[in-house]
Amino acid sequence: MQIARIGTAALLRNMLVALIVGVHAVATGVSAEAQPGADPTEATCQWVAGRQKVELTITGAPGDYGVGAFTAPSAFLLAEVEVGPSGAATIVRSLNLPGDHHFWVYVARPGTPPVPACSIDLSIAPSDPLLDALDGALAGVGSSALSTDPTAR
């Protein structure tokens, strides 16, 4: 039996082509929009689930908002977000626990109890070192729009 030898450059080129072609087979994450709850500010939230990350865009009245996450058996504050005069703010947060999570946003105004704004259930994908490395290389050459993780676009 004869084993074909392939050069390192050709091997790397073939792996890169296979990864780029395979991007279409990779789950690109979930994008969802959550409508406001009983909130006088009428805030809306757009969520994007990625690999061990979540991206959130809050559109609403200027002010402070809190972002929480619930993963059985505990809940935790994920972020505090300030929406400025433009009426929108976007954050990306890492999560070390892939899987199903319940996220919520509430209006945090001094001297008043938190007011629910919007909530959603999302599934956060686990990390993939190979795809994360590819995304890093794409970002390094200015092609982050081709990223396999929707939160990195």
Protein backbone atom coordinates (compact mmCIF):
# COMPACT_ATOMS: atom_id res chain seq x y z
CA MET A 1 0.00 0.00 0.00
CA GLN A 2 1.31 3.41 -0.92
CA ILE A 3 0.64 6.47 1.22
CA ALA A 4 0.35 9.78 -0.57
CA ARG A 5 2.42 12.59 0.86
CA ILE A 6 1.00 16.06 0.96
CA GLY A 7 2.94 19.22 1.75
CA THR A 8 2.17 21.26 4.84
CA ALA A 9 1.02 24.27 2.78
CA ALA A 10 -1.30 22.11 0.67
CA LEU A 11 -2.66 20.40 3.79
CA LEU A 12 -3.39 23.75 5.48
CA ARG A 13 -4.98 25.09 2.29
CA ASN A 14 -7.22 22.02 1.99
CA MET A 15 -8.22 22.28 5.67
CA LEU A 16 -9.09 25.98 5.27
CA VAL A 17 -11.16 25.30 2.15
CA ALA A 18 -12.96 22.46 3.95
CA LEU A 19 -13.70 24.74 6.92
CA ILE A 20 -15.02 27.56 4.76
CA VAL A 21 -17.19 25.20 2.74
CA GLY A 22 -18.34 23.55 5.96
CA VAL A 23 -19.46 26.86 7.45
CA HIS A 24 -22.84 26.39 5.82
CA ALA A 25 -23.25 23.15 7.73
CA VAL A 26 -22.51 24.81 11.07
CA ALA A 27 -25.42 26.03 13.12
CA THR A 28 -25.24 29.79 12.86
CA GLY A 29 -27.05 30.48 16.11
CA VAL A 30 -30.45 31.78 16.98
CA SER A 31 -31.61 35.32 16.49
CA ALA A 32 -34.80 36.25 18.24
CA GLU A 33 -36.66 39.36 19.13
CA ALA A 34 -38.48 39.66 22.42
CA GLN A 35 -41.32 42.10 22.75
CA PRO A 36 -41.72 44.24 25.85
CA GLY A 37 -43.54 43.15 28.95
CA ALA A 38 -45.62 45.52 31.05
CA ASP A 39 -43.02 48.27 30.75
CA PRO A 40 -43.92 51.91 30.24
CA THR A 41 -40.64 52.50 28.36
CA GLU A 42 -41.72 50.02 25.65
CA ALA A 43 -38.22 48.61 25.35
CA THR A 44 -37.54 45.88 22.79
CA CYS A 45 -34.71 43.37 22.85
CA GLN A 46 -33.00 41.55 20.03
CA TRP A 47 -31.00 38.50 21.10
CA VAL A 48 -28.41 36.45 19.19
CA ALA A 49 -27.16 33.16 20.64
CA GLY A 50 -23.63 32.07 19.75
CA ARG A 51 -20.91 29.72 20.95
CA GLN A 52 -20.72 30.36 24.71
CA LYS A 53 -21.80 33.97 24.06
CA VAL A 54 -24.99 35.96 23.79
CA GLU A 55 -25.46 39.29 22.02
CA LEU A 56 -28.22 41.65 23.10
CA THR A 57 -29.46 44.90 21.59
CA ILE A 58 -31.84 46.92 23.75
CA THR A 59 -33.91 49.63 22.09
CA GLY A 60 -35.84 51.87 24.43
CA ALA A 61 -35.87 54.98 26.54
CA PRO A 62 -32.46 56.22 27.67
CA GLY A 63 -31.45 54.92 31.07
CA ASP A 64 -30.11 51.89 32.90
CA TYR A 65 -31.22 48.33 32.22
CA GLY A 66 -30.25 45.11 33.95
CA VAL A 67 -29.80 41.79 32.15
CA GLY A 68 -30.30 38.54 34.05
CA ALA A 69 -29.93 34.89 33.18
CA PHE A 70 -31.42 31.80 34.76
CA THR A 71 -29.88 28.38 34.44
CA ALA A 72 -31.30 25.83 36.86
CA PRO A 73 -30.74 25.95 39.77
CA SER A 74 -29.47 29.55 39.92
CA ALA A 75 -30.08 33.02 38.53
CA PHE A 76 -27.45 35.69 38.08
CA LEU A 77 -26.95 39.24 36.86
CA LEU A 78 -25.33 39.02 33.45
CA ALA A 79 -24.81 42.73 32.75
CA GLU A 80 -25.86 46.27 33.42
CA VAL A 81 -26.48 48.24 30.24
CA GLU A 82 -26.84 51.99 29.77
CA VAL A 83 -28.99 53.01 26.83
CA GLY A 84 -27.88 56.47 25.76
CA PRO A 85 -29.65 59.27 23.92
CA SER A 86 -29.59 57.24 20.68
CA GLY A 87 -32.13 54.90 22.28
CA ALA A 88 -30.14 51.70 21.67
CA ALA A 89 -27.23 49.76 23.15
CA THR A 90 -25.60 46.46 22.18
CA ILE A 91 -23.52 44.13 24.36
CA VAL A 92 -21.91 40.71 23.90
CA ARG A 93 -21.38 38.59 27.02
CA SER A 94 -19.58 35.28 27.46
CA LEU A 95 -21.30 32.38 29.20
CA ASN A 96 -19.28 29.47 30.52
CA LEU A 97 -22.34 27.23 30.59
CA PRO A 98 -23.62 26.13 27.21
CA GLY A 99 -27.19 24.90 27.08
CA ASP A 100 -30.66 26.30 27.64
CA HIS A 101 -30.96 29.60 29.50
CA HIS A 102 -33.77 32.00 30.30
CA PHE A 103 -32.73 35.65 29.85
CA TRP A 104 -34.56 38.78 30.90
CA VAL A 105 -34.10 42.53 30.78
CA TYR A 106 -35.50 44.91 33.36
CA VAL A 107 -35.56 48.68 33.69
CA ALA A 108 -33.36 49.77 36.60
CA ARG A 109 -34.29 53.26 37.76
CA PRO A 110 -33.04 54.69 41.07
CA GLY A 111 -35.65 54.65 43.82
CA THR A 112 -38.05 52.33 41.99
CA PRO A 113 -38.39 48.56 41.87
CA PRO A 114 -37.12 46.82 38.70
CA VAL A 115 -39.69 46.80 35.88
CA PRO A 116 -39.63 43.80 33.50
CA ALA A 117 -38.94 44.83 29.91
CA CYS A 118 -38.52 41.61 27.90
CA SER A 119 -37.43 37.98 28.26
CA ILE A 120 -36.60 34.98 26.09
CA ASP A 121 -35.38 31.37 26.24
CA LEU A 122 -32.21 30.66 24.22
CA SER A 123 -29.90 27.72 23.71
CA ILE A 124 -26.22 28.67 23.91
CA ALA A 125 -23.89 26.44 21.86
CA PRO A 126 -20.68 25.00 23.34
CA SER A 127 -17.30 26.37 22.37
CA ASP A 128 -15.54 24.92 19.33
CA PRO A 129 -11.78 25.63 19.41
CA LEU A 130 -11.29 24.97 15.69
CA LEU A 131 -14.11 27.28 14.61
CA ASP A 132 -13.08 29.88 17.21
CA ALA A 133 -9.57 29.86 15.71
CA LEU A 134 -11.04 30.26 12.21
CA ASP A 135 -13.16 33.19 13.43
CA GLY A 136 -10.06 34.78 14.97
CA ALA A 137 -8.18 34.43 11.68
CA LEU A 138 -11.11 35.90 9.74
CA ALA A 139 -11.34 38.85 12.13
CA GLY A 140 -7.57 39.34 11.87
CA VAL A 141 -7.79 39.87 8.12
CA GLY A 142 -10.87 42.07 8.33
CA SER A 143 -13.42 39.44 7.32
CA SER A 144 -15.38 39.07 10.54
CA ALA A 145 -18.61 39.25 8.49
CA LEU A 146 -17.79 35.66 7.46
CA SER A 147 -17.51 34.50 11.08
CA THR A 148 -19.10 31.16 11.96
CA ASP A 149 -20.29 32.55 15.32
CA PRO A 150 -23.14 35.03 14.80
CA THR A 151 -22.14 37.01 17.91
CA ALA A 152 -18.76 37.81 16.28
CA ARG A 153 -20.23 39.36 13.13
